[in-house]
């Protein structure tokens, strides 16, 4: 395949030219107004509005963003151990997606262990943690290089777009994204790849932005029609999927009742986790799914019009199964 051409990409993707200008994220009235401080700085779940973007109109045609969970492509039990065959299978599936595609991946065991040990991103930055910040940055880029290599081997012209060079955080949440670089690669037929990363933070010095949060901002800014989160399970279950009798939910909304551990609660109680970002995307009109990344054919099935085994994430009030 010719570099610079993704399967299914039309010439319009490559010819589109970005508009110039910066604007604040849309407020509740969908105007281009600056969000209130309370919206931008909450640490208790996704922000009420998207972050600041260098913005252009949506990518013409179909646009999908795929999140590869860190737990899918790395061994959670051992630090910096890659699951090569799993990553290769997902990369081959991504190569078969028609239309424009962006990829986000988690840090898995390449970033989380050291971040947890060092406390980076959980408190104001101190100089004695500078080494840990640099090591985390190096380690997540090592994983990013593995992802790039797998995509290239599968025929995808993958380009790395590191958050540390494109994102500014405030109090642990994304406050600004220079999305024009990622979009420019999309418009030229490339597959931009971003990931969970350490980023400069205006309040605490250095923050950590998860791949799930990047999914939210990338999908909205790029005008994605679909967002797919690949996990190491089939989707969202009514209880821990390892428990006998657990039932896969074909769809789930914020007011669905799910067992988290031993306690039944509204799914909204998990807003600080992955589902919170998924619900926010669904609420913005992006078709959002959670699929099993260990069965990559399901991603291809969904991308080509099928309805694979998995969970459709709905906005509040949506019908559920």
Foldseek 3Di string as FASTA:
>chain_A
DDQLAAAQADLQLQPDDFDFDKFAWQDPVRDRDHDDPCQAADLQFHGPTFAIERAGDARPDAEEEEEEELVQQAPLVDAPHGPLVLLLLLLLLVSLFHYFYAYEYELRSQAPPLCVVLVFAPAADDPVCPVSQVSNQVSSVVVVVSNCVSNVVSPAQEDEDECQVAFEGENQATHYGHCPVVSNSRSSNHHYYYYWGWHQYPHRGIHTDGSLRVQLNNCVRNVHQAYEYADQDAEDWLEPPVDPPIDAKQEAEQQDWHHYDNDIDGNVVQSSDNLVSQQVNQVVNHWYWYGHSSPSVQVNQVSVPHRDRTYTYHHPPDDID
